[in-house]
Amino acid sequence: MTTIKINENTKTGKAFMAMFEAFFKGVEGIEVVEPNYGQVNEERSIYTSEFADKVKKAEENIKKGETTTLNPDDVWGSLGLK
């Protein structure tokens, strides 16, 4: 088995994938296997599962009202560290 890494965010990567799909889609013996980048909601993600868990926990804390609002003009004062 041969592995080819393709950055689908680049112009060349997009062109390669378009060509590949046009010529080889449904051909027996060739399969595109998507890497697992820390799945979030069944979609490919650049985020790790640990980061996604932290974001979900933060969202839960916001819903519970357990948040600190920062004033961008006085961050240290907002945190009570002045």
PDB file of N, CA and C in Angstrom:
ATOM      1  N   MET A   1       0.850  -1.176   0.000  1.00  0.00           N
ATOM      2  CA  MET A   1       0.000   0.000   0.000  1.00  0.00           C
ATOM      3  C   MET A   1       0.895   1.238   0.000  1.00  0.00           C
ATOM      4  N   THR A   2       0.535   2.219  -0.787  1.00  0.00           N
ATOM      5  CA  THR A   2       1.249   3.485  -0.874  1.00  0.00           C
ATOM      6  C   THR A   2       0.365   4.580  -0.308  1.00  0.00           C
ATOM      7  N   THR A   3       0.979   5.486   0.454  1.00  0.00           N
ATOM      8  CA  THR A   3       0.243   6.611   1.028  1.00  0.00           C
ATOM      9  C   THR A   3       0.735   7.896   0.391  1.00  0.00           C
ATOM     10  N   ILE A   4      -0.184   8.736  -0.011  1.00  0.00           N
ATOM     11  CA  ILE A   4       0.145  10.040  -0.582  1.00  0.00           C
ATOM     12  C   ILE A   4      -0.543  11.093   0.274  1.00  0.00           C
ATOM     13  N   LYS A   5       0.221  12.055   0.780  1.00  0.00           N
ATOM     14  CA  LYS A   5      -0.364  13.147   1.555  1.00  0.00           C
ATOM     15  C   LYS A   5      -0.641  14.316   0.618  1.00  0.00           C
ATOM     16  N   ILE A   6      -1.878  14.800   0.630  1.00  0.00           N
ATOM     17  CA  ILE A   6      -2.284  15.893  -0.255  1.00  0.00           C
ATOM     18  C   ILE A   6      -2.905  16.992   0.590  1.00  0.00           C
ATOM     19  N   ASN A   7      -2.387  18.190   0.460  1.00  0.00           N
ATOM     20  CA  ASN A   7      -2.978  19.334   1.156  1.00  0.00           C
ATOM     21  C   ASN A   7      -4.073  19.896   0.252  1.00  0.00           C
ATOM     22  N   GLU A   8      -5.317  19.575   0.590  1.00  0.00           N
ATOM     23  CA  GLU A   8      -6.447  19.985  -0.242  1.00  0.00           C
ATOM     24  C   GLU A   8      -6.770  21.471  -0.120  1.00  0.00           C
ATOM     25  N   ASN A   9      -6.028  22.195   0.704  1.00  0.00           N
ATOM     26  CA  ASN A   9      -6.236  23.638   0.836  1.00  0.00           C
ATOM     27  C   ASN A   9      -5.387  24.425  -0.158  1.00  0.00           C
ATOM     28  N   THR A  10      -4.473  23.728  -0.845  1.00  0.00           N
ATOM     29  CA  THR A  10      -3.629  24.410  -1.819  1.00  0.00           C
ATOM     30  C   THR A  10      -4.212  24.270  -3.218  1.00  0.00           C
ATOM     31  N   LYS A  11      -3.797  25.145  -4.104  1.00  0.00           N
ATOM     32  CA  LYS A  11      -4.265  25.102  -5.487  1.00  0.00           C
ATOM     33  C   LYS A  11      -3.873  23.782  -6.146  1.00  0.00           C
ATOM     34  N   THR A  12      -2.641  23.340  -5.915  1.00  0.00           N
ATOM     35  CA  THR A  12      -2.162  22.087  -6.494  1.00  0.00           C
ATOM     36  C   THR A  12      -2.920  20.894  -5.916  1.00  0.00           C
ATOM     37  N   GLY A  13      -3.144  20.907  -4.605  1.00  0.00           N
ATOM     38  CA  GLY A  13      -3.874  19.819  -3.959  1.00  0.00           C
ATOM     39  C   GLY A  13      -5.296  19.704  -4.475  1.00  0.00           C
ATOM     40  N   LYS A  14      -5.957  20.844  -4.654  1.00  0.00           N
ATOM     41  CA  LYS A  14      -7.327  20.839  -5.181  1.00  0.00           C
ATOM     42  C   LYS A  14      -7.354  20.303  -6.605  1.00  0.00           C
ATOM     43  N   ALA A  15      -6.372  20.726  -7.410  1.00  0.00           N
ATOM     44  CA  ALA A  15      -6.305  20.271  -8.800  1.00  0.00           C
ATOM     45  C   ALA A  15      -6.053  18.766  -8.857  1.00  0.00           C
ATOM     46  N   PHE A  16      -5.152  18.273  -7.994  1.00  0.00           N
ATOM     47  CA  PHE A  16      -4.858  16.843  -7.977  1.00  0.00           C
ATOM     48  C   PHE A  16      -6.099  16.047  -7.605  1.00  0.00           C
ATOM     49  N   MET A  17      -6.817  16.479  -6.560  1.00  0.00           N
ATOM     50  CA  MET A  17      -8.007  15.750  -6.128  1.00  0.00           C
ATOM     51  C   MET A  17      -9.088  15.775  -7.212  1.00  0.00           C
ATOM     52  N   ALA A  18      -9.242  16.884  -7.903  1.00  0.00           N
ATOM     53  CA  ALA A  18     -10.229  16.963  -8.985  1.00  0.00           C
ATOM     54  C   ALA A  18      -9.862  15.984 -10.099  1.00  0.00           C
ATOM     55  N   MET A  19      -8.574  15.938 -10.457  1.00  0.00           N
ATOM     56  CA  MET A  19      -8.124  15.020 -11.494  1.00  0.00           C
ATOM     57  C   MET A  19      -8.295  13.569 -11.033  1.00  0.00           C
ATOM     58  N   PHE A  20      -7.913  13.299  -9.804  1.00  0.00           N
ATOM     59  CA  PHE A  20      -8.022  11.947  -9.265  1.00  0.00           C
ATOM     60  C   PHE A  20      -9.463  11.458  -9.288  1.00  0.00           C
ATOM     61  N   GLU A  21     -10.383  12.305  -8.817  1.00  0.00           N
ATOM     62  CA  GLU A  21     -11.796  11.921  -8.793  1.00  0.00           C
ATOM     63  C   GLU A  21     -12.347  11.712 -10.206  1.00  0.00           C
ATOM     64  N   ALA A  22     -11.896  12.535 -11.145  1.00  0.00           N
ATOM     65  CA  ALA A  22     -12.385  12.412 -12.516  1.00  0.00           C
ATOM     66  C   ALA A  22     -11.925  11.101 -13.168  1.00  0.00           C
ATOM     67  N   PHE A  23     -10.684  10.695 -12.893  1.00  0.00           N
ATOM     68  CA  PHE A  23     -10.131   9.521 -13.560  1.00  0.00           C
ATOM     69  C   PHE A  23     -10.322   8.214 -12.795  1.00  0.00           C
ATOM     70  N   PHE A  24     -10.343   8.268 -11.469  1.00  0.00           N
ATOM     71  CA  PHE A  24     -10.277   7.028 -10.701  1.00  0.00           C
ATOM     72  C   PHE A  24     -11.462   6.752  -9.788  1.00  0.00           C
ATOM     73  N   LYS A  25     -12.477   7.581  -9.790  1.00  0.00           N
ATOM     74  CA  LYS A  25     -13.625   7.347  -8.922  1.00  0.00           C
ATOM     75  C   LYS A  25     -14.329   6.058  -9.335  1.00  0.00           C
ATOM     76  N   GLY A  26     -14.483   5.151  -8.374  1.00  0.00           N
ATOM     77  CA  GLY A  26     -15.164   3.895  -8.629  1.00  0.00           C
ATOM     78  C   GLY A  26     -14.302   2.813  -9.255  1.00  0.00           C
ATOM     79  N   VAL A  27     -13.019   3.072  -9.446  1.00  0.00           N
ATOM     80  CA  VAL A  27     -12.124   2.070 -10.022  1.00  0.00           C
ATOM     81  C   VAL A  27     -11.750   1.071  -8.929  1.00  0.00           C
ATOM     82  N   GLU A  28     -11.867  -0.201  -9.234  1.00  0.00           N
ATOM     83  CA  GLU A  28     -11.551  -1.243  -8.262  1.00  0.00           C
ATOM     84  C   GLU A  28     -10.056  -1.228  -7.937  1.00  0.00           C
ATOM     85  N   GLY A  29      -9.743  -1.304  -6.648  1.00  0.00           N
ATOM     86  CA  GLY A  29      -8.352  -1.352  -6.217  1.00  0.00           C
ATOM     87  C   GLY A  29      -7.792   0.002  -5.814  1.00  0.00           C
ATOM     88  N   ILE A  30      -8.552   1.075  -6.011  1.00  0.00           N
ATOM     89  CA  ILE A  30      -8.105   2.410  -5.623  1.00  0.00           C
ATOM     90  C   ILE A  30      -9.160   3.015  -4.709  1.00  0.00           C
ATOM     91  N   GLU A  31      -8.717   3.461  -3.552  1.00  0.00           N
ATOM     92  CA  GLU A  31      -9.646   4.001  -2.563  1.00  0.00           C
ATOM     93  C   GLU A  31      -9.024   5.217  -1.882  1.00  0.00           C
ATOM     94  N   VAL A  32      -9.802   6.250  -1.687  1.00  0.00           N
ATOM     95  CA  VAL A  32      -9.357   7.418  -0.932  1.00  0.00           C
ATOM     96  C   VAL A  32      -9.723   7.175   0.525  1.00  0.00           C
ATOM     97  N   VAL A  33      -8.720   7.209   1.391  1.00  0.00           N
ATOM     98  CA  VAL A  33      -8.937   7.015   2.818  1.00  0.00           C
ATOM     99  C   VAL A  33      -8.622   8.324   3.509  1.00  0.00           C
ATOM    100  N   GLU A  34      -9.630   8.899   4.173  1.00  0.00           N
ATOM    101  CA  GLU A  34      -9.456  10.170   4.861  1.00  0.00           C
ATOM    102  C   GLU A  34      -8.774   9.941   6.207  1.00  0.00           C
ATOM    103  N   PRO A  35      -7.774  10.753   6.543  1.00  0.00           N
ATOM    104  CA  PRO A  35      -7.127  10.619   7.852  1.00  0.00           C
ATOM    105  C   PRO A  35      -8.041  11.089   8.966  1.00  0.00           C
ATOM    106  N   ASN A  36      -7.827  10.595  10.172  1.00  0.00           N
ATOM    107  CA  ASN A  36      -8.600  11.000  11.345  1.00  0.00           C
ATOM    108  C   ASN A  36      -7.812  12.080  12.078  1.00  0.00           C
ATOM    109  N   TYR A  37      -8.304  13.304  12.050  1.00  0.00           N
ATOM    110  CA  TYR A  37      -7.629  14.422  12.697  1.00  0.00           C
ATOM    111  C   TYR A  37      -8.307  14.804  14.007  1.00  0.00           C
ATOM    112  N   GLY A  38      -8.829  13.848  14.756  1.00  0.00           N
ATOM    113  CA  GLY A  38      -9.564  14.188  15.971  1.00  0.00           C
ATOM    114  C   GLY A  38     -10.972  14.568  15.582  1.00  0.00           C
ATOM    115  N   GLN A  39     -11.781  13.602  15.310  1.00  0.00           N
ATOM    116  CA  GLN A  39     -13.110  13.822  14.763  1.00  0.00           C
ATOM    117  C   GLN A  39     -13.984  14.649  15.693  1.00  0.00           C
ATOM    118  N   VAL A  40     -14.700  15.591  15.125  1.00  0.00           N
ATOM    119  CA  VAL A  40     -15.660  16.411  15.843  1.00  0.00           C
ATOM    120  C   VAL A  40     -16.935  16.412  15.018  1.00  0.00           C
ATOM    121  N   ASN A  41     -18.016  15.898  15.572  1.00  0.00           N
ATOM    122  CA  ASN A  41     -19.304  15.841  14.875  1.00  0.00           C
ATOM    123  C   ASN A  41     -19.211  15.152  13.524  1.00  0.00           C
ATOM    124  N   GLU A  42     -18.444  14.067  13.465  1.00  0.00           N
ATOM    125  CA  GLU A  42     -18.327  13.251  12.260  1.00  0.00           C
ATOM    126  C   GLU A  42     -17.715  14.000  11.076  1.00  0.00           C
ATOM    127  N   GLU A  43     -17.150  15.164  11.286  1.00  0.00           N
ATOM    128  CA  GLU A  43     -16.513  15.904  10.207  1.00  0.00           C
ATOM    129  C   GLU A  43     -15.005  15.882  10.426  1.00  0.00           C
ATOM    130  N   ARG A  44     -14.237  15.927   9.352  1.00  0.00           N
ATOM    131  CA  ARG A  44     -12.795  16.000   9.485  1.00  0.00           C
ATOM    132  C   ARG A  44     -12.455  17.347  10.100  1.00  0.00           C
ATOM    133  N   SER A  45     -11.545  17.338  11.040  1.00  0.00           N
ATOM    134  CA  SER A  45     -11.223  18.553  11.751  1.00  0.00           C
ATOM    135  C   SER A  45      -9.721  18.694  11.910  1.00  0.00           C
ATOM    136  N   ILE A  46      -9.240  19.914  11.929  1.00  0.00           N
ATOM    137  CA  ILE A  46      -7.829  20.150  12.189  1.00  0.00           C
ATOM    138  C   ILE A  46      -7.559  20.189  13.684  1.00  0.00           C
ATOM    139  N   TYR A  47      -8.619  20.140  14.495  1.00  0.00           N
ATOM    140  CA  TYR A  47      -8.477  20.236  15.933  1.00  0.00           C
ATOM    141  C   TYR A  47      -8.360  18.868  16.576  1.00  0.00           C
ATOM    142  N   THR A  48      -7.556  18.780  17.639  1.00  0.00           N
ATOM    143  CA  THR A  48      -7.428  17.532  18.373  1.00  0.00           C
ATOM    144  C   THR A  48      -8.678  17.303  19.202  1.00  0.00           C
ATOM    145  N   SER A  49      -8.894  16.063  19.599  1.00  0.00           N
ATOM    146  CA  SER A  49     -10.070  15.754  20.411  1.00  0.00           C
ATOM    147  C   SER A  49      -9.968  16.436  21.782  1.00  0.00           C
ATOM    148  N   GLU A  50      -8.747  16.607  22.306  1.00  0.00           N
ATOM    149  CA  GLU A  50      -8.573  17.292  23.588  1.00  0.00           C
ATOM    150  C   GLU A  50      -9.041  18.748  23.490  1.00  0.00           C
ATOM    151  N   PHE A  51      -8.668  19.421  22.387  1.00  0.00           N
ATOM    152  CA  PHE A  51      -9.080  20.804  22.201  1.00  0.00           C
ATOM    153  C   PHE A  51     -10.597  20.895  22.059  1.00  0.00           C
ATOM    154  N   ALA A  52     -11.171  19.981  21.286  1.00  0.00           N
ATOM    155  CA  ALA A  52     -12.626  19.982  21.097  1.00  0.00           C
ATOM    156  C   ALA A  52     -13.339  19.773  22.431  1.00  0.00           C
ATOM    157  N   ASP A  53     -12.787  18.900  23.294  1.00  0.00           N
ATOM    158  CA  ASP A  53     -13.377  18.684  24.617  1.00  0.00           C
ATOM    159  C   ASP A  53     -13.327  19.957  25.464  1.00  0.00           C
ATOM    160  N   LYS A  54     -12.211  20.696  25.383  1.00  0.00           N
ATOM    161  CA  LYS A  54     -12.091  21.956  26.135  1.00  0.00           C
ATOM    162  C   LYS A  54     -13.125  22.974  25.652  1.00  0.00           C
ATOM    163  N   VAL A  55     -13.339  23.035  24.348  1.00  0.00           N
ATOM    164  CA  VAL A  55     -14.323  23.974  23.792  1.00  0.00           C
ATOM    165  C   VAL A  55     -15.733  23.601  24.264  1.00  0.00           C
ATOM    166  N   LYS A  56     -16.039  22.295  24.240  1.00  0.00           N
ATOM    167  CA  LYS A  56     -17.360  21.847  24.699  1.00  0.00           C
ATOM    168  C   LYS A  56     -17.560  22.171  26.175  1.00  0.00           C
ATOM    169  N   LYS A  57     -16.512  21.975  26.981  1.00  0.00           N
ATOM    170  CA  LYS A  57     -16.601  22.279  28.408  1.00  0.00           C
ATOM    171  C   LYS A  57     -16.820  23.782  28.620  1.00  0.00           C
ATOM    172  N   ALA A  58     -16.129  24.594  27.838  1.00  0.00           N
ATOM    173  CA  ALA A  58     -16.304  26.042  27.932  1.00  0.00           C
ATOM    174  C   ALA A  58     -17.730  26.438  27.559  1.00  0.00           C
ATOM    175  N   GLU A  59     -18.289  25.811  26.534  1.00  0.00           N
ATOM    176  CA  GLU A  59     -19.673  26.098  26.143  1.00  0.00           C
ATOM    177  C   GLU A  59     -20.643  25.735  27.266  1.00  0.00           C
ATOM    178  N   GLU A  60     -20.385  24.610  27.932  1.00  0.00           N
ATOM    179  CA  GLU A  60     -21.234  24.210  29.063  1.00  0.00           C
ATOM    180  C   GLU A  60     -21.128  25.226  30.201  1.00  0.00           C
ATOM    181  N   ASN A  61     -19.916  25.694  30.481  1.00  0.00           N
ATOM    182  CA  ASN A  61     -19.720  26.690  31.537  1.00  0.00           C
ATOM    183  C   ASN A  61     -20.435  27.996  31.210  1.00  0.00           C
ATOM    184  N   ILE A  62     -20.426  28.374  29.951  1.00  0.00           N
ATOM    185  CA  ILE A  62     -21.122  29.597  29.540  1.00  0.00           C
ATOM    186  C   ILE A  62     -22.618  29.443  29.777  1.00  0.00           C
ATOM    187  N   LYS A  63     -23.174  28.272  29.414  1.00  0.00           N
ATOM    188  CA  LYS A  63     -24.598  28.038  29.628  1.00  0.00           C
ATOM    189  C   LYS A  63     -24.959  28.070  31.109  1.00  0.00           C
ATOM    190  N   LYS A  64     -24.040  27.630  31.968  1.00  0.00           N
ATOM    191  CA  LYS A  64     -24.273  27.619  33.412  1.00  0.00           C
ATOM    192  C   LYS A  64     -24.024  28.998  34.040  1.00  0.00           C
ATOM    193  N   GLY A  65     -23.486  29.923  33.265  1.00  0.00           N
ATOM    194  CA  GLY A  65     -23.181  31.251  33.784  1.00  0.00           C
ATOM    195  C   GLY A  65     -21.849  31.310  34.512  1.00  0.00           C
ATOM    196  N   GLU A  66     -21.039  30.304  34.346  1.00  0.00           N
ATOM    197  CA  GLU A  66     -19.728  30.239  34.995  1.00  0.00           C
ATOM    198  C   GLU A  66     -18.656  30.805  34.066  1.00  0.00           C
ATOM    199  N   THR A  67     -18.707  32.108  33.848  1.00  0.00           N
ATOM    200  CA  THR A  67     -17.765  32.734  32.933  1.00  0.00           C
ATOM    201  C   THR A  67     -17.196  34.005  33.542  1.00  0.00           C
ATOM    202  N   THR A  68     -16.119  34.465  32.955  1.00  0.00           N
ATOM    203  CA  THR A  68     -15.532  35.742  33.318  1.00  0.00           C
ATOM    204  C   THR A  68     -15.531  36.601  32.066  1.00  0.00           C
ATOM    205  N   THR A  69     -16.113  37.786  32.162  1.00  0.00           N
ATOM    206  CA  THR A  69     -16.143  38.691  31.025  1.00  0.00           C
ATOM    207  C   THR A  69     -14.937  39.609  31.118  1.00  0.00           C
ATOM    208  N   LEU A  70     -14.175  39.679  30.046  1.00  0.00           N
ATOM    209  CA  LEU A  70     -12.984  40.513  30.021  1.00  0.00           C
ATOM    210  C   LEU A  70     -13.257  41.808  29.274  1.00  0.00           C
ATOM    211  N   ASN A  71     -12.772  42.886  29.836  1.00  0.00           N
ATOM    212  CA  ASN A  71     -12.817  44.181  29.180  1.00  0.00           C
ATOM    213  C   ASN A  71     -11.509  44.306  28.413  1.00  0.00           C
ATOM    214  N   PRO A  72     -11.526  44.375  27.087  1.00  0.00           N
ATOM    215  CA  PRO A  72     -10.282  44.424  26.325  1.00  0.00           C
ATOM    216  C   PRO A  72      -9.434  45.660  26.632  1.00  0.00           C
ATOM    217  N   ASP A  73     -10.060  46.701  27.153  1.00  0.00           N
ATOM    218  CA  ASP A  73      -9.310  47.899  27.504  1.00  0.00           C
ATOM    219  C   ASP A  73      -8.655  47.778  28.876  1.00  0.00           C
ATOM    220  N   ASP A  74      -9.093  46.816  29.700  1.00  0.00           N
ATOM    221  CA  ASP A  74      -8.548  46.634  31.052  1.00  0.00           C
ATOM    222  C   ASP A  74      -8.615  45.162  31.434  1.00  0.00           C
ATOM    223  N   VAL A  75      -7.832  44.326  30.752  1.00  0.00           N
ATOM    224  CA  VAL A  75      -7.867  42.889  30.983  1.00  0.00           C
ATOM    225  C   VAL A  75      -7.489  42.550  32.404  1.00  0.00           C
ATOM    226  N   TRP A  76      -6.403  43.120  32.924  1.00  0.00           N
ATOM    227  CA  TRP A  76      -5.958  42.803  34.288  1.00  0.00           C
ATOM    228  C   TRP A  76      -6.989  43.230  35.315  1.00  0.00           C
ATOM    229  N   GLY A  77      -7.611  44.363  35.101  1.00  0.00           N
ATOM    230  CA  GLY A  77      -8.657  44.811  36.020  1.00  0.00           C
ATOM    231  C   GLY A  77      -9.876  43.890  35.960  1.00  0.00           C
ATOM    232  N   SER A  78     -10.212  43.392  34.783  1.00  0.00           N
ATOM    233  CA  SER A  78     -11.333  42.471  34.636  1.00  0.00           C
ATOM    234  C   SER A  78     -11.108  41.177  35.411  1.00  0.00           C
ATOM    235  N   LEU A  79      -9.842  40.791  35.523  1.00  0.00           N
ATOM    236  CA  LEU A  79      -9.501  39.570  36.242  1.00  0.00           C
ATOM    237  C   LEU A  79      -9.272  39.817  37.734  1.00  0.00           C
ATOM    238  N   GLY A  80      -9.354  41.092  38.146  1.00  0.00           N
ATOM    239  CA  GLY A  80      -9.148  41.431  39.553  1.00  0.00           C
ATOM    240  C   GLY A  80      -7.685  41.365  39.936  1.00  0.00           C
ATOM    241  N   LEU A  81      -6.800  41.571  38.972  1.00  0.00           N
ATOM    242  CA  LEU A  81      -5.358  41.456  39.244  1.00  0.00           C
ATOM    243  C   LEU A  81      -4.656  42.811  39.217  1.00  0.00           C
ATOM    244  N   LYS A  82      -5.394  43.872  39.385  1.00  0.00           N
ATOM    245  CA  LYS A  82      -4.788  45.207  39.349  1.00  0.00           C
ATOM    246  C   LYS A  82      -4.510  45.685  40.728  1.00  0.00           C
TER     247      LYS A  82
END
